[in-house]
Protein backbone atom coordinates (compact mmCIF):
# COMPACT_ATOMS: atom_id res chain seq x y z
CA UNK A 1 2.88 -10.84 26.32
CA UNK A 2 3.15 -7.09 26.50
CA UNK A 3 0.07 -4.93 26.00
CA UNK A 4 -0.40 -2.35 23.26
CA UNK A 5 0.07 0.60 25.59
CA UNK A 6 3.46 -0.65 26.77
CA UNK A 7 4.56 -1.17 23.20
CA UNK A 8 3.53 2.38 22.29
CA UNK A 9 5.49 3.79 25.22
CA UNK A 10 8.59 1.90 24.10
CA UNK A 11 8.20 3.15 20.53
CA UNK A 12 7.88 6.75 21.71
CA UNK A 13 11.02 6.36 23.81
CA UNK A 14 12.91 4.61 21.02
CA UNK A 15 12.07 7.31 18.52
CA UNK A 16 13.41 9.92 20.93
CA UNK A 17 16.77 8.14 21.00
CA UNK A 18 16.39 5.81 23.98
CA UNK A 19 18.65 2.83 23.18
CA UNK A 20 17.23 0.65 25.96
CA UNK A 21 13.72 1.05 24.58
CA UNK A 22 14.95 0.16 21.09
CA UNK A 23 16.70 -2.95 22.39
CA UNK A 24 13.57 -3.97 24.29
CA UNK A 25 11.42 -3.55 21.19
CA UNK A 26 13.86 -5.66 19.17
CA UNK A 27 13.76 -8.33 21.86
CA UNK A 28 9.96 -8.36 21.97
CA UNK A 29 9.61 -8.53 18.21
CA UNK A 30 12.41 -10.98 17.42
CA UNK A 31 9.90 -13.90 17.28
CA UNK A 32 8.03 -11.98 14.59
CA UNK A 33 11.21 -11.54 12.55
CA UNK A 34 12.08 -15.22 12.94
CA UNK A 35 8.62 -16.35 11.84
CA UNK A 36 8.96 -14.30 8.64
CA UNK A 37 12.55 -15.38 7.98
CA UNK A 38 11.49 -19.04 8.09
CA UNK A 39 9.32 -18.44 5.04
CA UNK A 40 12.41 -17.63 2.97
CA UNK A 41 14.66 -20.53 4.01
CA UNK A 42 16.03 -22.78 1.30
CA UNK A 43 16.66 -20.02 -1.24
CA UNK A 44 20.44 -20.13 -1.15
CA UNK A 45 20.87 -17.53 1.59
CA UNK A 46 22.07 -18.28 5.11
CA UNK A 47 19.45 -18.02 7.86
CA UNK A 48 21.58 -15.55 9.82
CA UNK A 49 21.83 -13.26 6.79
CA UNK A 50 18.07 -13.34 6.31
CA UNK A 51 17.59 -12.62 10.00
CA UNK A 52 19.87 -9.58 9.76
CA UNK A 53 17.86 -8.29 6.80
CA UNK A 54 14.64 -8.81 8.71
CA UNK A 55 16.10 -6.97 11.67
CA UNK A 56 16.88 -3.99 9.44
CA UNK A 57 13.22 -3.95 8.42
CA UNK A 58 12.19 -4.09 12.06
CA UNK A 59 14.40 -1.11 12.91
CA UNK A 60 12.86 0.87 10.03
CA UNK A 61 9.42 0.01 11.36
CA UNK A 62 10.39 1.22 14.84
CA UNK A 63 11.71 4.46 13.37
CA UNK A 64 8.72 5.20 11.13
CA UNK A 65 5.74 3.85 13.08
CA UNK A 66 3.19 6.34 14.36
CA UNK A 67 0.84 5.56 17.23
CA UNK A 68 -1.69 7.74 15.44
CA UNK A 69 -2.17 4.99 12.87
CA UNK A 70 -4.36 3.10 15.38
CA UNK A 71 -2.98 -0.27 14.25
CA UNK A 72 -0.80 -2.77 16.06
CA UNK A 73 2.92 -2.25 15.64
CA UNK A 74 3.37 -5.85 14.50
CA UNK A 75 0.87 -5.31 11.69
CA UNK A 76 2.85 -2.32 10.48
CA UNK A 77 6.20 -4.10 10.91
CA UNK A 78 5.38 -7.23 8.88
CA UNK A 79 5.56 -5.68 5.38
CA UNK A 80 8.64 -3.67 6.39
CA UNK A 81 10.46 -6.85 7.48
CA UNK A 82 9.33 -8.78 4.43
CA UNK A 83 10.24 -5.90 2.16
CA UNK A 84 13.89 -5.90 3.23
CA UNK A 85 14.21 -9.65 2.66
CA UNK A 86 12.33 -9.69 -0.64
CA UNK A 87 14.32 -6.74 -1.98
CA UNK A 88 17.60 -8.53 -1.29
CA UNK A 89 16.42 -11.82 -2.77
CA UNK A 90 15.04 -10.11 -5.84
CA UNK A 91 18.05 -7.87 -6.47
CA UNK A 92 20.44 -10.82 -6.10
CA UNK A 93 18.42 -13.08 -8.35
CA UNK A 94 17.21 -15.50 -5.69
CA UNK A 95 13.56 -14.93 -6.53
CA UNK A 96 12.60 -16.70 -9.76
CA UNK A 97 9.72 -15.20 -11.69
CA UNK A 98 7.43 -17.61 -13.54
CA UNK A 99 6.54 -17.12 -17.20
CA UNK A 100 2.88 -16.70 -16.29
CA UNK A 101 3.71 -13.88 -13.86
CA UNK A 102 5.89 -12.16 -16.47
CA UNK A 103 3.12 -12.50 -19.03
CA UNK A 104 0.57 -11.05 -16.61
CA UNK A 105 2.89 -8.16 -15.82
CA UNK A 106 3.26 -7.40 -19.52
CA UNK A 107 -0.52 -7.48 -20.05
CA UNK A 108 -1.05 -5.19 -17.06
CA UNK A 109 1.50 -2.78 -18.47
CA UNK A 110 -0.27 -2.69 -21.85
CA UNK A 111 -3.68 -2.27 -20.26
CA UNK A 112 -2.45 0.51 -17.98
CA UNK A 113 -0.99 2.49 -20.87
CA UNK A 114 -4.23 2.21 -22.85
CA UNK A 115 -6.29 3.08 -19.79
CA UNK A 116 -4.21 6.19 -19.14
CA UNK A 117 -4.60 7.38 -22.73
CA UNK A 118 -8.36 6.92 -22.58
CA UNK A 119 -9.07 8.25 -19.08
CA UNK A 120 -6.14 10.64 -18.56
CA UNK A 121 -5.23 8.85 -15.36
CA UNK A 122 -3.64 5.58 -14.34
CA UNK A 123 -5.85 2.67 -13.28
CA UNK A 124 -6.18 1.63 -9.66
CA UNK A 125 -5.20 -1.82 -8.46
CA UNK A 126 -8.91 -2.70 -8.23
CA UNK A 127 -9.57 -1.61 -11.82
CA UNK A 128 -6.69 -3.74 -13.08
CA UNK A 129 -7.89 -6.72 -11.03
CA UNK A 130 -11.39 -6.38 -12.47
CA UNK A 131 -10.07 -6.19 -16.03
CA UNK A 132 -8.17 -9.46 -15.67
CA UNK A 133 -10.65 -11.18 -13.30
CA UNK A 134 -8.01 -11.68 -10.63
CA UNK A 135 -7.54 -10.68 -7.00
CA UNK A 136 -5.86 -7.33 -6.15
CA UNK A 137 -2.96 -9.07 -4.42
CA UNK A 138 -2.24 -10.96 -7.68
CA UNK A 139 -1.87 -7.61 -9.46
CA UNK A 140 0.54 -6.37 -6.79
CA UNK A 141 2.53 -9.61 -6.88
CA UNK A 142 2.96 -9.39 -10.66
CA UNK A 143 4.06 -5.76 -10.54
CA UNK A 144 6.30 -6.14 -7.52
CA UNK A 145 7.94 -9.38 -8.61
CA UNK A 146 8.91 -8.28 -12.10
CA UNK A 147 9.63 -4.64 -11.30
CA UNK A 148 7.27 -3.80 -14.14
CA UNK A 149 7.41 -0.08 -14.99
CA UNK A 150 3.67 0.33 -14.62
CA UNK A 151 2.71 3.51 -12.82
CA UNK A 152 -0.49 3.12 -10.84
CA UNK A 153 -0.22 6.83 -10.14
CA UNK A 154 1.94 9.35 -11.95
CA UNK A 155 5.56 8.25 -12.26
CA UNK A 156 7.95 9.78 -9.78
CA UNK A 157 11.64 9.21 -10.42
CA UNK A 158 12.16 5.46 -10.15
CA UNK A 159 9.10 4.72 -8.00
CA UNK A 160 6.28 2.42 -9.03
CA UNK A 161 3.60 4.32 -7.16
CA UNK A 162 1.92 1.09 -6.06
CA UNK A 163 -0.97 1.57 -3.66
CA UNK A 164 0.22 1.16 -0.11
CA UNK A 165 -2.91 -0.64 0.93
CA UNK A 166 -2.39 -3.28 -1.71
CA UNK A 167 1.29 -3.60 -0.87
CA UNK A 168 0.33 -4.27 2.72
CA UNK A 169 -2.26 -6.79 1.63
CA UNK A 170 0.29 -8.87 -0.28
CA UNK A 171 -0.16 -12.59 0.49
CA UNK A 172 1.51 -13.79 3.68
CA UNK A 173 0.55 -15.57 6.85
CA UNK A 174 -0.58 -12.38 8.59
CA UNK A 175 -3.08 -11.49 5.85
CA UNK A 176 -6.10 -12.25 8.03
CA UNK A 177 -4.95 -9.91 10.77
CA UNK A 178 -4.33 -7.14 8.27
CA UNK A 179 -7.71 -7.64 6.63
CA UNK A 180 -9.36 -7.43 10.04
CA UNK A 181 -7.75 -4.05 10.60
CA UNK A 182 -8.90 -2.97 7.14
CA UNK A 183 -5.62 -1.26 6.31
CA UNK A 184 -6.00 -1.68 2.58
CA UNK A 185 -9.53 -0.32 2.60
CA UNK A 186 -8.59 2.65 4.79
CA UNK A 187 -5.67 3.68 2.59
CA UNK A 188 -7.69 3.22 -0.59
CA UNK A 189 -10.02 6.01 0.58
CA UNK A 190 -7.18 8.52 0.42
CA UNK A 191 -6.70 10.48 -2.77
CA UNK A 192 -3.84 9.65 -5.14
CA UNK A 193 -1.40 12.23 -3.78
CA UNK A 194 -2.08 11.19 -0.19
CA UNK A 195 -1.53 7.52 -1.01
CA UNK A 196 1.71 8.42 -2.74
CA UNK A 197 2.91 10.36 0.32
CA UNK A 198 2.17 7.40 2.61
CA UNK A 199 3.97 5.04 0.25
CA UNK A 200 7.06 7.22 -0.10
CA UNK A 201 7.27 8.18 3.57
CA UNK A 202 6.57 4.89 5.29
CA UNK A 203 7.31 2.19 2.74
CA UNK A 204 10.14 3.75 0.76
CA UNK A 205 11.64 5.36 3.86
CA UNK A 206 11.84 8.80 2.25
CA UNK A 207 12.27 11.97 4.31
CA UNK A 208 9.74 14.78 4.11
CA UNK A 209 12.23 16.83 2.10
CA UNK A 210 12.70 14.00 -0.41
CA UNK A 211 8.93 13.61 -0.76
CA UNK A 212 8.62 17.36 -1.23
CA UNK A 213 11.06 17.23 -4.16
CA UNK A 214 9.14 14.36 -5.77
CA UNK A 215 5.82 16.21 -5.47
CA UNK A 216 7.32 19.62 -6.24
CA UNK A 217 6.01 21.16 -3.02
CA UNK A 218 7.62 22.47 0.16
CA UNK A 219 8.64 20.34 3.13
CA UNK A 220 6.18 22.29 5.26
CA UNK A 221 3.36 21.31 2.90
CA UNK A 222 4.35 17.66 3.14
CA UNK A 223 4.32 17.88 6.92
CA UNK A 224 0.83 19.39 6.92
CA UNK A 225 -0.42 16.83 4.42
CA UNK A 226 1.05 14.03 6.53
CA UNK A 227 -0.85 15.21 9.60
CA UNK A 228 -4.01 15.44 7.52
CA UNK A 229 -3.46 11.91 6.20
CA UNK A 230 -3.06 10.51 9.70
CA UNK A 231 -6.37 12.05 10.72
CA UNK A 232 -8.04 10.61 7.63
CA UNK A 233 -6.63 7.16 8.32
CA UNK A 234 -7.87 7.28 11.89
CA UNK A 235 -11.32 8.16 10.60
CA UNK A 236 -11.23 5.47 7.91
CA UNK A 237 -10.14 2.80 10.39
CA UNK A 238 -13.07 3.64 12.63
CA UNK A 239 -15.64 3.28 9.85
């Protein structure tokens, strides 16, 4: 088992264009990809195809991970890998949404619209969960599974604006590890614009220029805000 420092060195090299470092990282993290892929077997898609999708997610994680996040690379990579697989299954109709989930999504949508009219802002995941007496991850699952057009923050193009922390905390076998690292809690302490930047940059794979267009600011401003966010996350993780 490689230690964290070695992994960070490989990531730094890989992000600078070192192909050997990238190949080594893929090799070291292939068991992680396989463990996630096994969760999606039996849905009408070949294992090898699912593995390729998971590998794409792993490569995105390698490209976007920052050692300044002070979290294990595997913790960061899990939702990226799952996201690629889930997006494919959902877009191709392999994920079936239950009536109860659709009904919950509709109710959340109605509540969110009323909340926004009353408070002049969109509700947080926690506020929605409290309203319906459910867990935050159940809110995220309903929104994510049905592609409900509920905007947790202000709408930006075709983005949901779901809180990154809650996306990360979606139910899966690594939930305990993520809770221990308090990712969701750390991100929830950021303001709405900062959370949106993290979501767009690291979970929608947007460039700084693309984020700048969404927020109607300059690329330089996004870069400065990103550095500020990293410092805030480091502080939040240490609390």
